[in-house]
C-alpha cells in the first residue's frame, strides 16, 4: 500500500509486527510513513511510525482532530473483526 492512499482519520489493521491484527487510526502521514495510535498501547501523544506496506486499510474513517485517548479507544473498540476491509486500488 502506498502512503499516498492513506489519509488522516482512516482506520487501519496492522498486518506485520508484534501488533499484527490490531486496529489503529492514522493520525498523520509523513515522508512515506503513517503515524498510528489506538489510545491504549499507542497514545495519541506518541503515535507509532509504521510502514504503510504493513497496514491494511478499512472503509472506516473517524474524525481525529482534537481526539483523546479515551475517545479513540471507544471508537476503535466497536470496529474489531466486523470492519469492512477496503479493496486495494
PDB file of N, CA and C in Angstrom:
ATOM      1  N   UNK A   1       0.838  -1.177   0.000  1.00  0.00           N
ATOM      2  CA  UNK A   1       0.000   0.000   0.000  1.00  0.00           C
ATOM      3  C   UNK A   1       0.881   1.237   0.000  1.00  0.00           C
ATOM      4  N   UNK A   2       0.527   2.178  -0.783  1.00  0.00           N
ATOM      5  CA  UNK A   2       1.275   3.420  -0.897  1.00  0.00           C
ATOM      6  C   UNK A   2       0.816   4.396   0.179  1.00  0.00           C
ATOM      7  N   UNK A   3       1.738   5.148   0.746  1.00  0.00           N
ATOM      8  CA  UNK A   3       1.404   6.111   1.805  1.00  0.00           C
ATOM      9  C   UNK A   3       0.451   7.187   1.300  1.00  0.00           C
ATOM     10  N   UNK A   4       0.456   7.453   0.000  1.00  0.00           N
ATOM     11  CA  UNK A   4      -0.442   8.462  -0.555  1.00  0.00           C
ATOM     12  C   UNK A   4      -1.900   8.033  -0.445  1.00  0.00           C
ATOM     13  N   UNK A   5      -2.151   6.737  -0.390  1.00  0.00           N
ATOM     14  CA  UNK A   5      -3.508   6.219  -0.299  1.00  0.00           C
ATOM     15  C   UNK A   5      -4.067   6.415   1.106  1.00  0.00           C
ATOM     16  N   UNK A   6      -3.201   6.387   2.108  1.00  0.00           N
ATOM     17  CA  UNK A   6      -3.646   6.565   3.484  1.00  0.00           C
ATOM     18  C   UNK A   6      -3.923   8.038   3.757  1.00  0.00           C
ATOM     19  N   UNK A   7      -5.017   8.277   4.456  1.00  0.00           N
ATOM     20  CA  UNK A   7      -5.379   9.639   4.825  1.00  0.00           C
ATOM     21  C   UNK A   7      -5.612   9.714   6.322  1.00  0.00           C
ATOM     22  N   UNK A   8      -5.459  10.887   6.866  1.00  0.00           N
ATOM     23  CA  UNK A   8      -5.687  11.110   8.293  1.00  0.00           C
ATOM     24  C   UNK A   8      -7.125  10.731   8.638  1.00  0.00           C
ATOM     25  N   UNK A   9      -7.269   9.954   9.693  1.00  0.00           N
ATOM     26  CA  UNK A   9      -8.581   9.533  10.157  1.00  0.00           C
ATOM     27  C   UNK A   9      -8.976   8.138   9.715  1.00  0.00           C
ATOM     28  N   UNK A  10      -8.265   7.569   8.752  1.00  0.00           N
ATOM     29  CA  UNK A  10      -8.582   6.207   8.318  1.00  0.00           C
ATOM     30  C   UNK A  10      -8.276   5.208   9.424  1.00  0.00           C
ATOM     31  N   UNK A  11      -9.108   4.208   9.525  1.00  0.00           N
ATOM     32  CA  UNK A  11      -8.851   3.107  10.445  1.00  0.00           C
ATOM     33  C   UNK A  11      -8.141   2.024   9.647  1.00  0.00           C
ATOM     34  N   UNK A  12      -7.033   1.532  10.189  1.00  0.00           N
ATOM     35  CA  UNK A  12      -6.228   0.526   9.502  1.00  0.00           C
ATOM     36  C   UNK A  12      -5.993  -0.672  10.425  1.00  0.00           C
ATOM     37  N   UNK A  13      -5.698  -1.792   9.807  1.00  0.00           N
ATOM     38  CA  UNK A  13      -5.370  -3.010  10.551  1.00  0.00           C
ATOM     39  C   UNK A  13      -3.895  -3.306  10.324  1.00  0.00           C
ATOM     40  N   UNK A  14      -3.171  -3.525  11.401  1.00  0.00           N
ATOM     41  CA  UNK A  14      -1.757  -3.856  11.300  1.00  0.00           C
ATOM     42  C   UNK A  14      -1.616  -5.286  10.806  1.00  0.00           C
ATOM     43  N   UNK A  15      -0.768  -5.484   9.799  1.00  0.00           N
ATOM     44  CA  UNK A  15      -0.598  -6.801   9.205  1.00  0.00           C
ATOM     45  C   UNK A  15       0.773  -7.399   9.486  1.00  0.00           C
ATOM     46  N   UNK A  16       1.669  -6.664  10.135  1.00  0.00           N
ATOM     47  CA  UNK A  16       3.015  -7.157  10.415  1.00  0.00           C
ATOM     48  C   UNK A  16       3.501  -6.591  11.741  1.00  0.00           C
ATOM     49  N   UNK A  17       4.383  -7.332  12.364  1.00  0.00           N
ATOM     50  CA  UNK A  17       4.948  -6.889  13.631  1.00  0.00           C
ATOM     51  C   UNK A  17       4.228  -7.500  14.817  1.00  0.00           C
ATOM     52  N   UNK A  18       4.668  -7.132  16.010  1.00  0.00           N
ATOM     53  CA  UNK A  18       4.072  -7.710  17.216  1.00  0.00           C
ATOM     54  C   UNK A  18       2.637  -7.248  17.431  1.00  0.00           C
ATOM     55  N   UNK A  19       2.234  -6.195  16.735  1.00  0.00           N
ATOM     56  CA  UNK A  19       0.879  -5.665  16.873  1.00  0.00           C
ATOM     57  C   UNK A  19      -0.054  -6.117  15.747  1.00  0.00           C
ATOM     58  N   UNK A  20       0.334  -7.143  14.995  1.00  0.00           N
ATOM     59  CA  UNK A  20      -0.483  -7.571  13.858  1.00  0.00           C
ATOM     60  C   UNK A  20      -1.865  -8.000  14.334  1.00  0.00           C
ATOM     61  N   UNK A  21      -2.854  -7.617  13.547  1.00  0.00           N
ATOM     62  CA  UNK A  21      -4.243  -7.928  13.874  1.00  0.00           C
ATOM     63  C   UNK A  21      -4.940  -6.828  14.656  1.00  0.00           C
ATOM     64  N   UNK A  22      -4.203  -5.830  15.100  1.00  0.00           N
ATOM     65  CA  UNK A  22      -4.786  -4.732  15.876  1.00  0.00           C
ATOM     66  C   UNK A  22      -5.239  -3.606  14.950  1.00  0.00           C
ATOM     67  N   UNK A  23      -6.251  -2.876  15.410  1.00  0.00           N
ATOM     68  CA  UNK A  23      -6.782  -1.752  14.639  1.00  0.00           C
ATOM     69  C   UNK A  23      -6.265  -0.438  15.214  1.00  0.00           C
ATOM     70  N   UNK A  24      -5.945   0.487  14.318  1.00  0.00           N
ATOM     71  CA  UNK A  24      -5.400   1.783  14.680  1.00  0.00           C
ATOM     72  C   UNK A  24      -6.033   2.863  13.817  1.00  0.00           C
ATOM     73  N   UNK A  25      -5.909   4.100  14.260  1.00  0.00           N
ATOM     74  CA  UNK A  25      -6.322   5.248  13.454  1.00  0.00           C
ATOM     75  C   UNK A  25      -5.064   5.955  12.962  1.00  0.00           C
ATOM     76  N   UNK A  26      -5.095   6.398  11.721  1.00  0.00           N
ATOM     77  CA  UNK A  26      -3.976   7.143  11.162  1.00  0.00           C
ATOM     78  C   UNK A  26      -4.086   8.589  11.643  1.00  0.00           C
ATOM     79  N   UNK A  27      -3.071   9.053  12.362  1.00  0.00           N
ATOM     80  CA  UNK A  27      -3.067  10.420  12.880  1.00  0.00           C
ATOM     81  C   UNK A  27      -2.391  11.390  11.928  1.00  0.00           C
ATOM     82  N   UNK A  28      -1.376  10.905  11.203  1.00  0.00           N
ATOM     83  CA  UNK A  28      -0.728  11.738  10.180  1.00  0.00           C
ATOM     84  C   UNK A  28       0.080  10.842   9.266  1.00  0.00           C
ATOM     85  N   UNK A  29       0.391  11.362   8.092  1.00  0.00           N
ATOM     86  CA  UNK A  29       1.286  10.688   7.153  1.00  0.00           C
ATOM     87  C   UNK A  29       2.400  11.665   6.834  1.00  0.00           C
ATOM     88  N   UNK A  30       3.612  11.117   6.779  1.00  0.00           N
ATOM     89  CA  UNK A  30       4.764  11.995   6.588  1.00  0.00           C
ATOM     90  C   UNK A  30       5.931  11.184   6.027  1.00  0.00           C
ATOM     91  N   UNK A  31       6.540  11.670   4.981  1.00  0.00           N
ATOM     92  CA  UNK A  31       7.733  11.067   4.388  1.00  0.00           C
ATOM     93  C   UNK A  31       7.566   9.571   4.124  1.00  0.00           C
ATOM     94  N   UNK A  32       6.404   9.185   3.631  1.00  0.00           N
ATOM     95  CA  UNK A  32       6.176   7.794   3.271  1.00  0.00           C
ATOM     96  C   UNK A  32       5.811   6.888   4.430  1.00  0.00           C
ATOM     97  N   UNK A  33       5.586   7.413   5.595  1.00  0.00           N
ATOM     98  CA  UNK A  33       5.203   6.611   6.752  1.00  0.00           C
ATOM     99  C   UNK A  33       3.862   7.086   7.304  1.00  0.00           C
ATOM    100  N   UNK A  34       3.170   6.182   7.975  1.00  0.00           N
ATOM    101  CA  UNK A  34       1.923   6.527   8.654  1.00  0.00           C
ATOM    102  C   UNK A  34       2.185   6.524  10.153  1.00  0.00           C
ATOM    103  N   UNK A  35       1.624   7.474  10.844  1.00  0.00           N
ATOM    104  CA  UNK A  35       1.727   7.548  12.302  1.00  0.00           C
ATOM    105  C   UNK A  35       0.373   7.140  12.863  1.00  0.00           C
ATOM    106  N   UNK A  36       0.361   6.031  13.614  1.00  0.00           N
ATOM    107  CA  UNK A  36      -0.895   5.432  14.049  1.00  0.00           C
ATOM    108  C   UNK A  36      -0.973   5.350  15.565  1.00  0.00           C
ATOM    109  N   UNK A  37      -2.205   5.335  16.070  1.00  0.00           N
ATOM    110  CA  UNK A  37      -2.424   5.219  17.508  1.00  0.00           C
ATOM    111  C   UNK A  37      -3.731   4.472  17.751  1.00  0.00           C
ATOM    112  N   UNK A  38      -3.818   3.843  18.929  1.00  0.00           N
ATOM    113  CA  UNK A  38      -5.057   3.177  19.327  1.00  0.00           C
ATOM    114  C   UNK A  38      -5.593   3.691  20.659  1.00  0.00           C
ATOM    115  N   UNK A  39      -4.862   4.579  21.301  1.00  0.00           N
ATOM    116  CA  UNK A  39      -5.302   5.150  22.560  1.00  0.00           C
ATOM    117  C   UNK A  39      -4.998   4.308  23.780  1.00  0.00           C
ATOM    118  N   UNK A  40      -4.509   3.085  23.558  1.00  0.00           N
ATOM    119  CA  UNK A  40      -4.186   2.196  24.682  1.00  0.00           C
ATOM    120  C   UNK A  40      -2.692   1.925  24.726  1.00  0.00           C
ATOM    121  N   UNK A  41      -2.218   1.112  23.812  1.00  0.00           N
ATOM    122  CA  UNK A  41      -0.789   0.812  23.746  1.00  0.00           C
ATOM    123  C   UNK A  41      -0.007   1.930  23.083  1.00  0.00           C
ATOM    124  N   UNK A  42      -0.620   2.573  22.132  1.00  0.00           N
ATOM    125  CA  UNK A  42      -0.016   3.702  21.436  1.00  0.00           C
ATOM    126  C   UNK A  42      -0.907   4.910  21.635  1.00  0.00           C
ATOM    127  N   UNK A  43      -0.419   5.839  22.417  1.00  0.00           N
ATOM    128  CA  UNK A  43      -1.185   7.037  22.758  1.00  0.00           C
ATOM    129  C   UNK A  43      -1.171   8.039  21.606  1.00  0.00           C
ATOM    130  N   UNK A  44      -2.154   8.919  21.617  1.00  0.00           N
ATOM    131  CA  UNK A  44      -2.250   9.964  20.610  1.00  0.00           C
ATOM    132  C   UNK A  44      -1.032  10.883  20.686  1.00  0.00           C
ATOM    133  N   UNK A  45      -0.506  11.091  21.876  1.00  0.00           N
ATOM    134  CA  UNK A  45       0.641  11.977  22.052  1.00  0.00           C
ATOM    135  C   UNK A  45       1.952  11.351  21.570  1.00  0.00           C
ATOM    136  N   UNK A  46       1.980  10.017  21.388  1.00  0.00           N
ATOM    137  CA  UNK A  46       3.192   9.322  20.934  1.00  0.00           C
ATOM    138  C   UNK A  46       2.807   8.225  19.942  1.00  0.00           C
ATOM    139  N   UNK A  47       2.364   8.606  18.738  1.00  0.00           N
ATOM    140  CA  UNK A  47       1.929   7.595  17.771  1.00  0.00           C
ATOM    141  C   UNK A  47       3.091   6.756  17.245  1.00  0.00           C
ATOM    142  N   UNK A  48       2.762   5.576  16.746  1.00  0.00           N
ATOM    143  CA  UNK A  48       3.760   4.656  16.210  1.00  0.00           C
ATOM    144  C   UNK A  48       3.992   4.966  14.727  1.00  0.00           C
ATOM    145  N   UNK A  49       5.250   5.022  14.349  1.00  0.00           N
ATOM    146  CA  UNK A  49       5.633   5.219  12.950  1.00  0.00           C
ATOM    147  C   UNK A  49       5.600   3.850  12.286  1.00  0.00           C
ATOM    148  N   UNK A  50       4.799   3.700  11.241  1.00  0.00           N
ATOM    149  CA  UNK A  50       4.613   2.389  10.620  1.00  0.00           C
ATOM    150  C   UNK A  50       4.693   2.508   9.102  1.00  0.00           C
ATOM    151  N   UNK A  51       5.313   1.517   8.496  1.00  0.00           N
ATOM    152  CA  UNK A  51       5.393   1.428   7.049  1.00  0.00           C
ATOM    153  C   UNK A  51       3.997   1.109   6.509  1.00  0.00           C
ATOM    154  N   UNK A  52       3.483   1.887   5.557  1.00  0.00           N
ATOM    155  CA  UNK A  52       2.149   1.634   5.011  1.00  0.00           C
ATOM    156  C   UNK A  52       1.995   0.260   4.348  1.00  0.00           C
ATOM    157  N   UNK A  53       3.098  -0.345   3.942  1.00  0.00           N
ATOM    158  CA  UNK A  53       3.023  -1.688   3.362  1.00  0.00           C
ATOM    159  C   UNK A  53       2.579  -2.719   4.394  1.00  0.00           C
ATOM    160  N   UNK A  54       2.718  -2.391   5.663  1.00  0.00           N
ATOM    161  CA  UNK A  54       2.350  -3.303   6.741  1.00  0.00           C
ATOM    162  C   UNK A  54       0.966  -3.011   7.298  1.00  0.00           C
ATOM    163  N   UNK A  55       0.211  -2.160   6.609  1.00  0.00           N
ATOM    164  CA  UNK A  55      -1.123  -1.788   7.060  1.00  0.00           C
ATOM    165  C   UNK A  55      -2.157  -2.149   6.013  1.00  0.00           C
ATOM    166  N   UNK A  56      -3.330  -2.547   6.482  1.00  0.00           N
ATOM    167  CA  UNK A  56      -4.453  -2.824   5.595  1.00  0.00           C
ATOM    168  C   UNK A  56      -5.555  -1.835   5.954  1.00  0.00           C
ATOM    169  N   UNK A  57      -5.980  -1.046   4.978  1.00  0.00           N
ATOM    170  CA  UNK A  57      -6.970  -0.030   5.305  1.00  0.00           C
ATOM    171  C   UNK A  57      -8.376  -0.621   5.327  1.00  0.00           C
ATOM    172  N   UNK A  58      -9.238   0.041   6.083  1.00  0.00           N
ATOM    173  CA  UNK A  58     -10.643  -0.332   6.145  1.00  0.00           C
ATOM    174  C   UNK A  58     -11.458   0.789   5.509  1.00  0.00           C
ATOM    175  N   UNK A  59     -12.746   0.587   5.386  1.00  0.00           N
ATOM    176  CA  UNK A  59     -13.612   1.622   4.827  1.00  0.00           C
ATOM    177  C   UNK A  59     -14.080   2.607   5.892  1.00  0.00           C
ATOM    178  N   UNK A  60     -13.586   2.467   7.107  1.00  0.00           N
ATOM    179  CA  UNK A  60     -13.999   3.318   8.218  1.00  0.00           C
ATOM    180  C   UNK A  60     -13.068   4.515   8.343  1.00  0.00           C
ATOM    181  N   UNK A  61     -13.656   5.688   8.500  1.00  0.00           N
ATOM    182  CA  UNK A  61     -12.900   6.918   8.712  1.00  0.00           C
ATOM    183  C   UNK A  61     -13.497   7.609   9.932  1.00  0.00           C
ATOM    184  N   UNK A  62     -12.625   8.067  10.828  1.00  0.00           N
ATOM    185  CA  UNK A  62     -13.077   8.775  12.019  1.00  0.00           C
ATOM    186  C   UNK A  62     -12.431  10.159  12.068  1.00  0.00           C
ATOM    187  N   UNK A  63     -13.043  11.043  12.809  1.00  0.00           N
ATOM    188  CA  UNK A  63     -12.503  12.399  12.970  1.00  0.00           C
ATOM    189  C   UNK A  63     -11.485  12.363  14.104  1.00  0.00           C
ATOM    190  N   UNK A  64     -10.219  12.582  13.787  1.00  0.00           N
ATOM    191  CA  UNK A  64      -9.163  12.511  14.802  1.00  0.00           C
ATOM    192  C   UNK A  64      -8.690  13.889  15.248  1.00  0.00           C
ATOM    193  N   UNK A  65      -9.347  14.927  14.797  1.00  0.00           N
ATOM    194  CA  UNK A  65      -8.955  16.282  15.216  1.00  0.00           C
ATOM    195  C   UNK A  65      -9.314  16.456  16.690  1.00  0.00           C
ATOM    196  N   UNK A  66      -8.335  16.793  17.499  1.00  0.00           N
ATOM    197  CA  UNK A  66      -8.513  17.008  18.942  1.00  0.00           C
ATOM    198  C   UNK A  66      -9.115  15.798  19.648  1.00  0.00           C
ATOM    199  N   UNK A  67      -8.741  14.598  19.246  1.00  0.00           N
ATOM    200  CA  UNK A  67      -9.283  13.376  19.846  1.00  0.00           C
ATOM    201  C   UNK A  67      -8.450  13.001  21.073  1.00  0.00           C
ATOM    202  N   UNK A  68      -9.119  12.443  22.069  1.00  0.00           N
ATOM    203  CA  UNK A  68      -8.424  11.984  23.273  1.00  0.00           C
ATOM    204  C   UNK A  68      -8.176  10.484  23.162  1.00  0.00           C
ATOM    205  N   UNK A  69      -7.288   9.977  24.006  1.00  0.00           N
ATOM    206  CA  UNK A  69      -7.011   8.539  24.013  1.00  0.00           C
ATOM    207  C   UNK A  69      -8.278   7.742  24.339  1.00  0.00           C
ATOM    208  N   UNK A  70      -9.040   8.223  25.302  1.00  0.00           N
ATOM    209  CA  UNK A  70     -10.257   7.513  25.715  1.00  0.00           C
ATOM    210  C   UNK A  70     -11.271   7.440  24.572  1.00  0.00           C
ATOM    211  N   UNK A  71     -11.493   8.555  23.903  1.00  0.00           N
ATOM    212  CA  UNK A  71     -12.452   8.561  22.799  1.00  0.00           C
ATOM    213  C   UNK A  71     -11.973   7.668  21.656  1.00  0.00           C
ATOM    214  N   UNK A  72     -10.683   7.680  21.387  1.00  0.00           N
ATOM    215  CA  UNK A  72     -10.130   6.828  20.339  1.00  0.00           C
ATOM    216  C   UNK A  72     -10.323   5.357  20.679  1.00  0.00           C
ATOM    217  N   UNK A  73     -10.085   4.979  21.926  1.00  0.00           N
ATOM    218  CA  UNK A  73     -10.306   3.589  22.354  1.00  0.00           C
ATOM    219  C   UNK A  73     -11.756   3.175  22.145  1.00  0.00           C
ATOM    220  N   UNK A  74     -12.680   4.050  22.513  1.00  0.00           N
ATOM    221  CA  UNK A  74     -14.109   3.743  22.373  1.00  0.00           C
ATOM    222  C   UNK A  74     -14.485   3.560  20.909  1.00  0.00           C
ATOM    223  N   UNK A  75     -13.995   4.441  20.049  1.00  0.00           N
ATOM    224  CA  UNK A  75     -14.310   4.342  18.625  1.00  0.00           C
ATOM    225  C   UNK A  75     -13.733   3.074  18.000  1.00  0.00           C
ATOM    226  N   UNK A  76     -12.510   2.735  18.357  1.00  0.00           N
ATOM    227  CA  UNK A  76     -11.868   1.554  17.771  1.00  0.00           C
ATOM    228  C   UNK A  76     -12.419   0.253  18.341  1.00  0.00           C
ATOM    229  N   UNK A  77     -12.938   0.297  19.564  1.00  0.00           N
ATOM    230  CA  UNK A  77     -13.469  -0.913  20.199  1.00  0.00           C
ATOM    231  C   UNK A  77     -14.630  -1.497  19.397  1.00  0.00           C
ATOM    232  N   UNK A  78     -15.454  -0.640  18.838  1.00  0.00           N
ATOM    233  CA  UNK A  78     -16.603  -1.094  18.076  1.00  0.00           C
ATOM    234  C   UNK A  78     -16.270  -1.622  16.700  1.00  0.00           C
ATOM    235  N   UNK A  79     -15.052  -1.445  16.253  1.00  0.00           N
ATOM    236  CA  UNK A  79     -14.694  -1.841  14.889  1.00  0.00           C
ATOM    237  C   UNK A  79     -14.338  -3.320  14.827  1.00  0.00           C
ATOM    238  N   UNK A  80     -13.275  -3.715  15.467  1.00  0.00           N
ATOM    239  CA  UNK A  80     -12.862  -5.117  15.554  1.00  0.00           C
ATOM    240  C   UNK A  80     -12.989  -5.912  14.282  1.00  0.00           C
ATOM    241  N   UNK A  81     -13.302  -7.203  14.406  1.00  0.00           N
ATOM    242  CA  UNK A  81     -13.346  -8.106  13.252  1.00  0.00           C
ATOM    243  C   UNK A  81     -14.446  -7.790  12.238  1.00  0.00           C
ATOM    244  N   UNK A  82     -15.416  -6.980  12.616  1.00  0.00           N
ATOM    245  CA  UNK A  82     -16.505  -6.661  11.693  1.00  0.00           C
ATOM    246  C   UNK A  82     -16.153  -5.538  10.720  1.00  0.00           C
ATOM    247  N   UNK A  83     -14.930  -5.055  10.764  1.00  0.00           N
ATOM    248  CA  UNK A  83     -14.524  -3.937   9.906  1.00  0.00           C
ATOM    249  C   UNK A  83     -14.567  -4.337   8.442  1.00  0.00           C
ATOM    250  N   UNK A  84     -15.010  -3.400   7.631  1.00  0.00           N
ATOM    251  CA  UNK A  84     -15.005  -3.588   6.178  1.00  0.00           C
ATOM    252  C   UNK A  84     -13.594  -3.337   5.694  1.00  0.00           C
ATOM    253  N   UNK A  85     -12.927  -4.377   5.228  1.00  0.00           N
ATOM    254  CA  UNK A  85     -11.574  -4.211   4.678  1.00  0.00           C
ATOM    255  C   UNK A  85     -11.732  -3.645   3.269  1.00  0.00           C
ATOM    256  N   UNK A  86     -11.035  -2.556   3.014  1.00  0.00           N
ATOM    257  CA  UNK A  86     -11.134  -1.885   1.714  1.00  0.00           C
ATOM    258  C   UNK A  86     -10.406  -2.687   0.655  1.00  0.00           C
ATOM    259  N   UNK A  87     -10.924  -2.617  -0.539  1.00  0.00           N
ATOM    260  CA  UNK A  87     -10.293  -3.276  -1.676  1.00  0.00           C
ATOM    261  C   UNK A  87      -9.070  -2.473  -2.086  1.00  0.00           C
ATOM    262  N   UNK A  88      -8.002  -3.172  -2.464  1.00  0.00           N
ATOM    263  CA  UNK A  88      -6.792  -2.489  -2.943  1.00  0.00           C
ATOM    264  C   UNK A  88      -7.075  -1.834  -4.275  1.00  0.00           C
ATOM    265  N   UNK A  89      -6.480  -0.669  -4.479  1.00  0.00           N
ATOM    266  CA  UNK A  89      -6.697   0.070  -5.731  1.00  0.00           C
ATOM    267  C   UNK A  89      -5.646  -0.276  -6.745  1.00  0.00           C
TER     268      UNK A  89
END
